[in-house]
Amino acid sequence: MPPPQDRDDSVMALDLPPATLGPEMQGYFDKCNEKLGFVPNVLRAYAHDDTKLALFAGFYNDLMLAPSGLSKLEREMIAVVVSGRNHCYYCVTAHGAAVRQYSGDSILGELMAVNYRAAKLSQRHRAMLDFADKLTREPWAIDEPDRESLRAAGFSERDIWDIGAVAGFFNMSNRMASAVDMRPNPEYHGQFR
């Protein structure tokens, strides 16, 4: 029998001491504790450098929370499809919980991670996820017919930008999470089930 998997409280494989956070980032951590009950380990991993943490958090918050033609659920669906394709344990776990939260569907997060094509999706969502998946697998092969399929599904030019930006961000984040063996907070596993 393998040992229980929920007993490891490490954030990542690197032993980087946390920096002294400036007031903005300390306030952000306080807000996470207040709203979530914990600080996501991705933020704790970046906390070895206050500047890098602020840049990461700012870009993430802009992409995932700011006004967009994409709903929060759609952005989370992209995050999970990209992360599943990249086998990113941290992001599949954390963003799978967000898909469950925003959709109210306890199964949808796993479908996005393992095989989004097995899900019952609208033409809009299928086109969006096909694009994000192809951008992850074969970025050099994206061409005008791929963008045209998004337009045909009702996405605006700005929406197409946002789909690419979210997929691109998670490709980068997945690689960092894998590079340092980032571990998801245990709370994510049971959320919104």
N, C-alpha and C. Protein backbone atom coordinates (compact mmCIF):
# COMPACT_ATOMS: atom_id res chain seq x y z
N MET A 1 0.84 -1.19 0.00
CA MET A 1 0.00 0.00 0.00
C MET A 1 0.88 1.25 0.00
N PRO A 2 0.54 2.22 -0.87
CA PRO A 2 1.25 3.50 -0.78
C PRO A 2 0.83 4.23 0.49
N PRO A 3 1.69 5.09 0.98
CA PRO A 3 1.31 5.86 2.17
C PRO A 3 0.18 6.82 1.83
N PRO A 4 -0.57 7.26 2.84
CA PRO A 4 -1.62 8.26 2.59
C PRO A 4 -1.04 9.50 1.93
N GLN A 5 -1.72 9.99 0.94
CA GLN A 5 -1.21 11.11 0.15
C GLN A 5 -1.52 12.47 0.77
N ASP A 6 -2.32 12.50 1.81
CA ASP A 6 -2.73 13.79 2.39
C ASP A 6 -1.87 14.21 3.58
N ARG A 7 -0.76 13.56 3.78
CA ARG A 7 0.06 13.85 4.95
C ARG A 7 1.25 14.76 4.65
N ASP A 8 1.41 15.14 3.40
CA ASP A 8 2.55 15.97 3.01
C ASP A 8 2.11 17.43 3.02
N ASP A 9 2.71 18.23 3.89
CA ASP A 9 2.31 19.63 3.97
C ASP A 9 3.31 20.56 3.28
N SER A 10 4.20 19.98 2.46
CA SER A 10 5.17 20.82 1.77
C SER A 10 4.48 21.61 0.66
N VAL A 11 5.03 22.76 0.37
CA VAL A 11 4.51 23.63 -0.68
C VAL A 11 5.14 23.26 -2.01
N MET A 12 6.45 22.99 -1.98
CA MET A 12 7.19 22.64 -3.19
C MET A 12 8.49 21.97 -2.80
N ALA A 13 9.23 21.50 -3.80
CA ALA A 13 10.47 20.77 -3.56
C ALA A 13 11.65 21.68 -3.24
N LEU A 14 11.57 22.96 -3.57
CA LEU A 14 12.67 23.87 -3.30
C LEU A 14 12.55 24.44 -1.89
N ASP A 15 13.67 24.59 -1.25
CA ASP A 15 13.71 25.15 0.10
C ASP A 15 14.07 26.62 0.02
N LEU A 16 13.10 27.42 -0.39
CA LEU A 16 13.30 28.87 -0.50
C LEU A 16 12.60 29.54 0.67
N PRO A 17 13.33 30.23 1.52
CA PRO A 17 12.68 30.87 2.66
C PRO A 17 11.77 32.00 2.20
N PRO A 18 10.64 32.15 2.86
CA PRO A 18 9.74 33.24 2.49
C PRO A 18 10.36 34.60 2.75
N ALA A 19 10.09 35.52 1.86
CA ALA A 19 10.56 36.90 2.02
C ALA A 19 9.64 37.63 2.99
N THR A 20 10.09 38.75 3.45
CA THR A 20 9.20 39.64 4.19
C THR A 20 8.31 40.30 3.16
N LEU A 21 7.02 40.09 3.29
CA LEU A 21 6.09 40.63 2.31
C LEU A 21 5.81 42.09 2.59
N GLY A 22 5.67 42.85 1.52
CA GLY A 22 5.27 44.24 1.65
C GLY A 22 3.81 44.32 2.04
N PRO A 23 3.32 45.50 2.37
CA PRO A 23 1.94 45.64 2.83
C PRO A 23 0.90 45.14 1.81
N GLU A 24 1.15 45.35 0.52
CA GLU A 24 0.17 44.92 -0.49
C GLU A 24 0.04 43.40 -0.51
N MET A 25 1.15 42.71 -0.55
CA MET A 25 1.10 41.24 -0.62
C MET A 25 0.69 40.63 0.71
N GLN A 26 1.08 41.25 1.82
CA GLN A 26 0.61 40.74 3.11
C GLN A 26 -0.91 40.90 3.20
N GLY A 27 -1.42 42.02 2.70
CA GLY A 27 -2.87 42.21 2.66
C GLY A 27 -3.55 41.19 1.77
N TYR A 28 -2.90 40.84 0.67
CA TYR A 28 -3.45 39.82 -0.24
C TYR A 28 -3.51 38.46 0.45
N PHE A 29 -2.46 38.11 1.19
CA PHE A 29 -2.47 36.86 1.95
C PHE A 29 -3.58 36.88 3.00
N ASP A 30 -3.73 38.01 3.68
CA ASP A 30 -4.79 38.13 4.69
C ASP A 30 -6.17 37.96 4.05
N LYS A 31 -6.35 38.53 2.87
CA LYS A 31 -7.63 38.40 2.16
C LYS A 31 -7.88 36.95 1.76
N CYS A 32 -6.84 36.25 1.31
CA CYS A 32 -6.99 34.82 0.98
C CYS A 32 -7.42 34.03 2.21
N ASN A 33 -6.75 34.28 3.33
CA ASN A 33 -7.12 33.58 4.56
C ASN A 33 -8.57 33.86 4.95
N GLU A 34 -8.98 35.10 4.79
CA GLU A 34 -10.35 35.49 5.14
C GLU A 34 -11.38 34.83 4.21
N LYS A 35 -11.13 34.88 2.91
CA LYS A 35 -12.10 34.37 1.94
C LYS A 35 -12.05 32.86 1.75
N LEU A 36 -10.83 32.29 1.75
CA LEU A 36 -10.68 30.86 1.46
C LEU A 36 -10.43 30.02 2.70
N GLY A 37 -9.89 30.64 3.73
CA GLY A 37 -9.50 29.89 4.91
C GLY A 37 -8.07 29.39 4.84
N PHE A 38 -7.36 29.72 3.77
CA PHE A 38 -5.96 29.33 3.58
C PHE A 38 -5.36 30.20 2.48
N VAL A 39 -4.03 30.17 2.40
CA VAL A 39 -3.32 30.84 1.31
C VAL A 39 -2.95 29.77 0.29
N PRO A 40 -3.37 29.90 -0.95
CA PRO A 40 -3.01 28.89 -1.95
C PRO A 40 -1.49 28.71 -2.02
N ASN A 41 -1.09 27.45 -2.14
CA ASN A 41 0.34 27.14 -2.15
C ASN A 41 1.09 27.78 -3.30
N VAL A 42 0.43 28.05 -4.41
CA VAL A 42 1.12 28.73 -5.50
C VAL A 42 1.60 30.10 -5.03
N LEU A 43 0.79 30.78 -4.24
CA LEU A 43 1.20 32.08 -3.71
C LEU A 43 2.30 31.91 -2.67
N ARG A 44 2.18 30.91 -1.84
CA ARG A 44 3.23 30.64 -0.85
C ARG A 44 4.55 30.30 -1.54
N ALA A 45 4.48 29.61 -2.68
CA ALA A 45 5.71 29.28 -3.42
C ALA A 45 6.37 30.55 -3.96
N TYR A 46 5.57 31.46 -4.48
CA TYR A 46 6.12 32.71 -5.02
C TYR A 46 6.54 33.69 -3.92
N ALA A 47 6.17 33.42 -2.69
CA ALA A 47 6.42 34.36 -1.59
C ALA A 47 7.88 34.47 -1.20
N HIS A 48 8.77 33.75 -1.87
CA HIS A 48 10.20 33.92 -1.59
C HIS A 48 10.71 35.25 -2.17
N ASP A 49 9.86 35.89 -3.00
CA ASP A 49 10.26 37.15 -3.64
C ASP A 49 9.01 38.02 -3.78
N ASP A 50 8.93 39.06 -3.00
CA ASP A 50 7.73 39.90 -2.97
C ASP A 50 7.39 40.47 -4.35
N THR A 51 8.39 40.84 -5.13
CA THR A 51 8.14 41.40 -6.46
C THR A 51 7.56 40.35 -7.40
N LYS A 52 8.16 39.15 -7.41
CA LYS A 52 7.65 38.08 -8.28
C LYS A 52 6.23 37.68 -7.87
N LEU A 53 5.99 37.63 -6.58
CA LEU A 53 4.65 37.31 -6.08
C LEU A 53 3.64 38.35 -6.55
N ALA A 54 3.98 39.61 -6.44
CA ALA A 54 3.06 40.68 -6.86
C ALA A 54 2.79 40.62 -8.36
N LEU A 55 3.82 40.38 -9.15
CA LEU A 55 3.63 40.27 -10.60
C LEU A 55 2.76 39.07 -10.96
N PHE A 56 3.04 37.91 -10.35
CA PHE A 56 2.26 36.71 -10.61
C PHE A 56 0.80 36.93 -10.22
N ALA A 57 0.58 37.41 -9.01
CA ALA A 57 -0.79 37.61 -8.51
C ALA A 57 -1.54 38.63 -9.35
N GLY A 58 -0.87 39.70 -9.73
CA GLY A 58 -1.52 40.72 -10.56
C GLY A 58 -1.94 40.19 -11.91
N PHE A 59 -1.05 39.45 -12.57
CA PHE A 59 -1.37 38.89 -13.89
C PHE A 59 -2.49 37.87 -13.77
N TYR A 60 -2.38 36.98 -12.77
CA TYR A 60 -3.43 35.97 -12.55
C TYR A 60 -4.78 36.64 -12.31
N ASN A 61 -4.82 37.59 -11.41
CA ASN A 61 -6.09 38.24 -11.08
C ASN A 61 -6.69 38.96 -12.27
N ASP A 62 -5.84 39.58 -13.08
CA ASP A 62 -6.33 40.26 -14.28
C ASP A 62 -6.92 39.25 -15.26
N LEU A 63 -6.22 38.16 -15.51
CA LEU A 63 -6.71 37.17 -16.47
C LEU A 63 -7.95 36.43 -15.98
N MET A 64 -7.99 36.08 -14.72
CA MET A 64 -9.03 35.17 -14.23
C MET A 64 -10.22 35.86 -13.57
N LEU A 65 -10.05 37.11 -13.12
CA LEU A 65 -11.12 37.75 -12.35
C LEU A 65 -11.63 39.05 -12.96
N ALA A 66 -10.83 39.70 -13.80
CA ALA A 66 -11.25 40.99 -14.37
C ALA A 66 -12.37 40.79 -15.37
N PRO A 67 -13.12 41.85 -15.68
CA PRO A 67 -14.18 41.73 -16.69
C PRO A 67 -13.63 41.18 -18.01
N SER A 68 -14.42 40.31 -18.61
CA SER A 68 -14.05 39.65 -19.86
C SER A 68 -15.31 39.14 -20.52
N GLY A 69 -15.25 38.90 -21.81
CA GLY A 69 -16.35 38.22 -22.50
C GLY A 69 -16.42 36.76 -22.13
N LEU A 70 -15.39 36.26 -21.45
CA LEU A 70 -15.38 34.89 -20.95
C LEU A 70 -15.84 34.91 -19.50
N SER A 71 -16.71 33.98 -19.16
CA SER A 71 -17.13 33.88 -17.76
C SER A 71 -15.98 33.33 -16.92
N LYS A 72 -16.10 33.47 -15.61
CA LYS A 72 -15.10 32.88 -14.71
C LYS A 72 -15.04 31.38 -14.91
N LEU A 73 -16.20 30.74 -15.09
CA LEU A 73 -16.23 29.30 -15.34
C LEU A 73 -15.47 28.96 -16.61
N GLU A 74 -15.70 29.70 -17.68
CA GLU A 74 -15.01 29.41 -18.93
C GLU A 74 -13.50 29.53 -18.78
N ARG A 75 -13.05 30.54 -18.06
CA ARG A 75 -11.61 30.70 -17.84
C ARG A 75 -11.05 29.55 -17.02
N GLU A 76 -11.81 29.10 -16.03
CA GLU A 76 -11.37 27.96 -15.23
C GLU A 76 -11.38 26.67 -16.05
N MET A 77 -12.35 26.52 -16.94
CA MET A 77 -12.38 25.34 -17.81
C MET A 77 -11.12 25.30 -18.67
N ILE A 78 -10.73 26.44 -19.23
CA ILE A 78 -9.50 26.50 -20.01
C ILE A 78 -8.31 26.11 -19.15
N ALA A 79 -8.26 26.66 -17.93
CA ALA A 79 -7.14 26.35 -17.02
C ALA A 79 -7.02 24.86 -16.79
N VAL A 80 -8.14 24.18 -16.59
CA VAL A 80 -8.10 22.75 -16.28
C VAL A 80 -7.76 21.93 -17.52
N VAL A 81 -8.30 22.29 -18.67
CA VAL A 81 -7.97 21.55 -19.89
C VAL A 81 -6.48 21.66 -20.20
N VAL A 82 -5.94 22.86 -20.13
CA VAL A 82 -4.51 23.06 -20.37
C VAL A 82 -3.70 22.30 -19.33
N SER A 83 -4.07 22.40 -18.08
CA SER A 83 -3.33 21.75 -17.00
C SER A 83 -3.43 20.23 -17.08
N GLY A 84 -4.56 19.73 -17.50
CA GLY A 84 -4.70 18.28 -17.71
C GLY A 84 -3.79 17.80 -18.82
N ARG A 85 -3.76 18.55 -19.91
CA ARG A 85 -2.89 18.20 -21.04
C ARG A 85 -1.43 18.19 -20.60
N ASN A 86 -1.06 19.11 -19.70
CA ASN A 86 0.32 19.22 -19.22
C ASN A 86 0.59 18.35 -17.99
N HIS A 87 -0.41 17.61 -17.51
CA HIS A 87 -0.27 16.75 -16.34
C HIS A 87 0.20 17.54 -15.12
N CYS A 88 -0.37 18.72 -14.94
CA CYS A 88 0.02 19.57 -13.81
C CYS A 88 -0.89 19.26 -12.62
N TYR A 89 -0.34 18.53 -11.68
CA TYR A 89 -1.10 18.11 -10.50
C TYR A 89 -1.65 19.30 -9.73
N TYR A 90 -0.82 20.32 -9.51
CA TYR A 90 -1.28 21.47 -8.73
C TYR A 90 -2.49 22.13 -9.40
N CYS A 91 -2.35 22.50 -10.65
CA CYS A 91 -3.40 23.30 -11.31
C CYS A 91 -4.66 22.49 -11.60
N VAL A 92 -4.51 21.21 -11.94
CA VAL A 92 -5.71 20.38 -12.13
C VAL A 92 -6.50 20.32 -10.84
N THR A 93 -5.80 20.17 -9.72
CA THR A 93 -6.49 20.06 -8.42
C THR A 93 -7.13 21.38 -8.02
N ALA A 94 -6.36 22.46 -8.05
CA ALA A 94 -6.88 23.76 -7.61
C ALA A 94 -7.97 24.28 -8.54
N HIS A 95 -7.74 24.22 -9.83
CA HIS A 95 -8.71 24.79 -10.77
C HIS A 95 -9.86 23.83 -11.06
N GLY A 96 -9.64 22.55 -10.83
CA GLY A 96 -10.77 21.60 -10.89
C GLY A 96 -11.79 21.94 -9.82
N ALA A 97 -11.31 22.33 -8.63
CA ALA A 97 -12.22 22.77 -7.57
C ALA A 97 -12.98 24.02 -7.99
N ALA A 98 -12.31 24.95 -8.68
CA ALA A 98 -12.98 26.17 -9.15
C ALA A 98 -14.03 25.84 -10.20
N VAL A 99 -13.76 24.89 -11.09
CA VAL A 99 -14.77 24.47 -12.07
C VAL A 99 -15.98 23.91 -11.34
N ARG A 100 -15.75 23.08 -10.33
CA ARG A 100 -16.87 22.55 -9.55
C ARG A 100 -17.65 23.68 -8.88
N GLN A 101 -16.93 24.66 -8.34
CA GLN A 101 -17.58 25.78 -7.65
C GLN A 101 -18.46 26.57 -8.61
N TYR A 102 -17.89 27.02 -9.73
CA TYR A 102 -18.62 27.90 -10.64
C TYR A 102 -19.72 27.18 -11.42
N SER A 103 -19.54 25.88 -11.65
CA SER A 103 -20.53 25.14 -12.43
C SER A 103 -21.60 24.50 -11.56
N GLY A 104 -21.28 24.27 -10.29
CA GLY A 104 -22.20 23.54 -9.42
C GLY A 104 -22.26 22.07 -9.79
N ASP A 105 -21.29 21.60 -10.57
CA ASP A 105 -21.27 20.22 -11.07
C ASP A 105 -20.02 19.53 -10.53
N SER A 106 -20.21 18.52 -9.71
CA SER A 106 -19.08 17.86 -9.07
C SER A 106 -18.28 16.98 -10.03
N ILE A 107 -18.78 16.75 -11.23
CA ILE A 107 -18.11 15.88 -12.20
C ILE A 107 -17.34 16.67 -13.25
N LEU A 108 -17.78 17.87 -13.54
CA LEU A 108 -17.23 18.63 -14.66
C LEU A 108 -15.73 18.89 -14.54
N GLY A 109 -15.22 19.14 -13.35
CA GLY A 109 -13.79 19.39 -13.19
C GLY A 109 -12.94 18.22 -13.65
N GLU A 110 -13.34 16.99 -13.30
CA GLU A 110 -12.59 15.82 -13.73
C GLU A 110 -12.71 15.60 -15.23
N LEU A 111 -13.88 15.86 -15.79
CA LEU A 111 -14.04 15.75 -17.24
C LEU A 111 -13.10 16.71 -17.96
N MET A 112 -12.99 17.93 -17.46
CA MET A 112 -12.10 18.90 -18.09
C MET A 112 -10.64 18.42 -18.03
N ALA A 113 -10.26 17.81 -16.92
CA ALA A 113 -8.87 17.39 -16.73
C ALA A 113 -8.51 16.15 -17.53
N VAL A 114 -9.43 15.21 -17.61
CA VAL A 114 -9.10 13.93 -18.22
C VAL A 114 -9.44 13.90 -19.70
N ASN A 115 -10.67 14.32 -20.05
CA ASN A 115 -11.09 14.29 -21.45
C ASN A 115 -12.31 15.18 -21.62
N TYR A 116 -12.08 16.45 -21.89
CA TYR A 116 -13.20 17.39 -22.02
C TYR A 116 -14.15 16.99 -23.14
N ARG A 117 -13.67 16.21 -24.10
CA ARG A 117 -14.52 15.80 -25.22
C ARG A 117 -15.62 14.83 -24.77
N ALA A 118 -15.45 14.22 -23.59
CA ALA A 118 -16.47 13.32 -23.05
C ALA A 118 -17.59 14.09 -22.35
N ALA A 119 -17.41 15.37 -22.16
CA ALA A 119 -18.43 16.20 -21.49
C ALA A 119 -19.49 16.63 -22.50
N LYS A 120 -20.67 16.87 -22.02
CA LYS A 120 -21.74 17.43 -22.84
C LYS A 120 -21.54 18.94 -22.86
N LEU A 121 -20.98 19.44 -23.95
CA LEU A 121 -20.61 20.85 -24.04
C LEU A 121 -21.36 21.53 -25.18
N SER A 122 -21.56 22.83 -25.01
CA SER A 122 -22.11 23.64 -26.10
C SER A 122 -21.06 23.78 -27.20
N GLN A 123 -21.50 24.22 -28.38
CA GLN A 123 -20.56 24.47 -29.47
C GLN A 123 -19.53 25.51 -29.03
N ARG A 124 -19.99 26.51 -28.29
CA ARG A 124 -19.09 27.57 -27.79
C ARG A 124 -17.97 26.98 -26.95
N HIS A 125 -18.35 26.16 -25.96
CA HIS A 125 -17.35 25.61 -25.06
C HIS A 125 -16.44 24.61 -25.77
N ARG A 126 -16.99 23.83 -26.66
CA ARG A 126 -16.16 22.86 -27.40
C ARG A 126 -15.13 23.60 -28.25
N ALA A 127 -15.55 24.64 -28.95
CA ALA A 127 -14.61 25.40 -29.79
C ALA A 127 -13.53 26.05 -28.93
N MET A 128 -13.93 26.62 -27.80
CA MET A 128 -12.98 27.28 -26.90
C MET A 128 -11.94 26.29 -26.38
N LEU A 129 -12.40 25.12 -25.95
CA LEU A 129 -11.49 24.14 -25.37
C LEU A 129 -10.65 23.46 -26.45
N ASP A 130 -11.21 23.25 -27.63
CA ASP A 130 -10.40 22.72 -28.74
C ASP A 130 -9.24 23.66 -29.05
N PHE A 131 -9.52 24.95 -29.05
CA PHE A 131 -8.48 25.95 -29.33
C PHE A 131 -7.41 25.93 -28.24
N ALA A 132 -7.84 25.94 -26.97
CA ALA A 132 -6.88 25.94 -25.85
C ALA A 132 -6.05 24.66 -25.86
N ASP A 133 -6.68 23.54 -26.17
CA ASP A 133 -5.97 22.27 -26.21
C ASP A 133 -4.94 22.27 -27.35
N LYS A 134 -5.33 22.73 -28.52
CA LYS A 134 -4.39 22.77 -29.65
C LYS A 134 -3.26 23.75 -29.37
N LEU A 135 -3.58 24.89 -28.77
CA LEU A 135 -2.55 25.87 -28.43
C LEU A 135 -1.54 25.28 -27.45
N THR A 136 -1.97 24.38 -26.62
CA THR A 136 -1.10 23.71 -25.66
C THR A 136 -0.26 22.62 -26.33
N ARG A 137 -0.90 21.80 -27.17
CA ARG A 137 -0.21 20.68 -27.82
C ARG A 137 0.67 21.10 -28.98
N GLU A 138 0.13 21.98 -29.83
CA GLU A 138 0.80 22.36 -31.07
C GLU A 138 0.66 23.85 -31.34
N PRO A 139 1.31 24.68 -30.53
CA PRO A 139 1.11 26.12 -30.70
C PRO A 139 1.49 26.62 -32.09
N TRP A 140 2.46 26.00 -32.71
CA TRP A 140 2.90 26.41 -34.04
C TRP A 140 1.85 26.12 -35.11
N ALA A 141 0.88 25.27 -34.82
CA ALA A 141 -0.11 24.87 -35.82
C ALA A 141 -1.38 25.73 -35.78
N ILE A 142 -1.48 26.65 -34.83
CA ILE A 142 -2.64 27.53 -34.78
C ILE A 142 -2.62 28.42 -36.02
N ASP A 143 -3.77 28.46 -36.71
CA ASP A 143 -3.85 29.32 -37.90
C ASP A 143 -5.26 29.89 -38.01
N GLU A 144 -5.52 30.60 -39.07
CA GLU A 144 -6.78 31.34 -39.21
C GLU A 144 -8.02 30.46 -39.08
N PRO A 145 -8.06 29.24 -39.62
CA PRO A 145 -9.26 28.42 -39.41
C PRO A 145 -9.56 28.14 -37.92
N ASP A 146 -8.52 28.07 -37.10
CA ASP A 146 -8.74 27.88 -35.66
C ASP A 146 -9.42 29.10 -35.04
N ARG A 147 -8.93 30.28 -35.41
CA ARG A 147 -9.57 31.51 -34.91
C ARG A 147 -10.98 31.65 -35.49
N GLU A 148 -11.16 31.27 -36.73
CA GLU A 148 -12.48 31.36 -37.37
C GLU A 148 -13.49 30.45 -36.68
N SER A 149 -13.04 29.30 -36.20
CA SER A 149 -13.97 28.41 -35.48
C SER A 149 -14.45 29.06 -34.19
N LEU A 150 -13.59 29.87 -33.57
CA LEU A 150 -14.01 30.60 -32.37
C LEU A 150 -15.00 31.70 -32.73
N ARG A 151 -14.74 32.41 -33.82
CA ARG A 151 -15.70 33.44 -34.26
C ARG A 151 -17.06 32.82 -34.57
N ALA A 152 -17.05 31.67 -35.25
CA ALA A 152 -18.30 30.99 -35.60
C ALA A 152 -19.07 30.55 -34.36
N ALA A 153 -18.35 30.31 -33.27
CA ALA A 153 -18.99 29.91 -32.02
C ALA A 153 -19.45 31.12 -31.20
N GLY A 154 -19.23 32.33 -31.73
CA GLY A 154 -19.74 33.53 -31.07
C GLY A 154 -18.73 34.33 -30.28
N PHE A 155 -17.45 33.99 -30.38
CA PHE A 155 -16.44 34.73 -29.64
C PHE A 155 -16.01 35.97 -30.40
N SER A 156 -15.81 37.05 -29.66
CA SER A 156 -15.32 38.30 -30.25
C SER A 156 -13.80 38.22 -30.40
N GLU A 157 -13.25 39.22 -31.08
CA GLU A 157 -11.80 39.28 -31.22
C GLU A 157 -11.13 39.37 -29.84
N ARG A 158 -11.69 40.15 -28.94
CA ARG A 158 -11.15 40.28 -27.59
C ARG A 158 -11.27 38.96 -26.83
N ASP A 159 -12.37 38.24 -27.03
CA ASP A 159 -12.52 36.93 -26.39
C ASP A 159 -11.43 35.97 -26.86
N ILE A 160 -11.12 36.01 -28.15
CA ILE A 160 -10.07 35.13 -28.68
C ILE A 160 -8.74 35.47 -28.03
N TRP A 161 -8.47 36.77 -27.87
CA TRP A 161 -7.26 37.19 -27.15
C TRP A 161 -7.25 36.58 -25.75
N ASP A 162 -8.40 36.70 -25.04
CA ASP A 162 -8.48 36.21 -23.67
C ASP A 162 -8.32 34.69 -23.59
N ILE A 163 -8.88 33.96 -24.53
CA ILE A 163 -8.70 32.51 -24.56
C ILE A 163 -7.21 32.18 -24.70
N GLY A 164 -6.55 32.85 -25.64
CA GLY A 164 -5.11 32.63 -25.82
C GLY A 164 -4.31 33.03 -24.59
N ALA A 165 -4.68 34.14 -23.96
CA ALA A 165 -3.94 34.62 -22.79
C ALA A 165 -4.09 33.66 -21.61
N VAL A 166 -5.30 33.17 -21.37
CA VAL A 166 -5.50 32.23 -20.26
C VAL A 166 -4.76 30.92 -20.54
N ALA A 167 -4.89 30.41 -21.76
CA ALA A 167 -4.18 29.17 -22.10
C ALA A 167 -2.66 29.36 -21.99
N GLY A 168 -2.16 30.49 -22.47
CA GLY A 168 -0.73 30.76 -22.40
C GLY A 168 -0.24 30.87 -20.97
N PHE A 169 -1.01 31.57 -20.14
CA PHE A 169 -0.63 31.73 -18.73
C PHE A 169 -0.54 30.38 -18.04
N PHE A 170 -1.52 29.51 -18.28
CA PHE A 170 -1.50 28.22 -17.60
C PHE A 170 -0.42 27.30 -18.15
N ASN A 171 -0.07 27.43 -19.41
CA ASN A 171 1.07 26.66 -19.90
C ASN A 171 2.33 27.07 -19.15
N MET A 172 2.52 28.36 -18.94
CA MET A 172 3.68 28.83 -18.16
C MET A 172 3.58 28.36 -16.70
N SER A 173 2.43 28.55 -16.10
CA SER A 173 2.25 28.18 -14.69
C SER A 173 2.44 26.68 -14.49
N ASN A 174 1.93 25.87 -15.41
CA ASN A 174 2.10 24.42 -15.30
C ASN A 174 3.56 24.05 -15.32
N ARG A 175 4.32 24.70 -16.15
CA ARG A 175 5.74 24.38 -16.24
C ARG A 175 6.49 24.78 -14.96
N MET A 176 6.12 25.92 -14.39
CA MET A 176 6.74 26.32 -13.11
C MET A 176 6.34 25.35 -12.01
N ALA A 177 5.07 24.99 -11.95
CA ALA A 177 4.60 24.07 -10.91
C ALA A 177 5.31 22.72 -11.03
N SER A 178 5.52 22.25 -12.25
CA SER A 178 6.23 20.99 -12.44
C SER A 178 7.71 21.13 -12.10
N ALA A 179 8.30 22.26 -12.46
CA ALA A 179 9.72 22.48 -12.21
C ALA A 179 10.05 22.41 -10.73
N VAL A 180 9.13 22.87 -9.88
CA VAL A 180 9.41 22.93 -8.44
C VAL A 180 8.57 21.94 -7.63
N ASP A 181 7.85 21.04 -8.33
CA ASP A 181 6.98 20.05 -7.68
C ASP A 181 6.03 20.71 -6.69
N MET A 182 5.32 21.72 -7.18
CA MET A 182 4.37 22.45 -6.35
C MET A 182 3.21 21.53 -5.96
N ARG A 183 2.82 21.59 -4.72
CA ARG A 183 1.77 20.74 -4.18
C ARG A 183 0.50 21.53 -3.89
N PRO A 184 -0.66 21.02 -4.31
CA PRO A 184 -1.89 21.74 -4.02
C PRO A 184 -2.25 21.67 -2.54
N ASN A 185 -2.93 22.69 -2.07
CA ASN A 185 -3.43 22.67 -0.70
C ASN A 185 -4.41 21.50 -0.57
N PRO A 186 -4.37 20.76 0.52
CA PRO A 186 -5.26 19.62 0.69
C PRO A 186 -6.74 20.01 0.61
N GLU A 187 -7.06 21.24 0.98
CA GLU A 187 -8.47 21.68 0.98
C GLU A 187 -9.11 21.55 -0.39
N TYR A 188 -8.32 21.73 -1.45
CA TYR A 188 -8.89 21.72 -2.80
C TYR A 188 -9.54 20.37 -3.14
N HIS A 189 -8.99 19.29 -2.61
CA HIS A 189 -9.45 17.95 -3.01
C HIS A 189 -10.93 17.72 -2.69
N GLY A 190 -11.38 18.26 -1.60
CA GLY A 190 -12.76 18.00 -1.20
C GLY A 190 -13.74 19.12 -1.48
N GLN A 191 -13.27 20.22 -2.03
CA GLN A 191 -14.15 21.38 -2.21
C GLN A 191 -15.19 21.15 -3.30
N PHE A 192 -16.42 21.61 -3.01
CA PHE A 192 -17.51 21.69 -3.97
C PHE A 192 -17.86 20.34 -4.58
N ARG A 193 -17.83 19.32 -3.77
CA ARG A 193 -18.20 17.96 -4.23
C ARG A 193 -19.60 17.65 -3.79
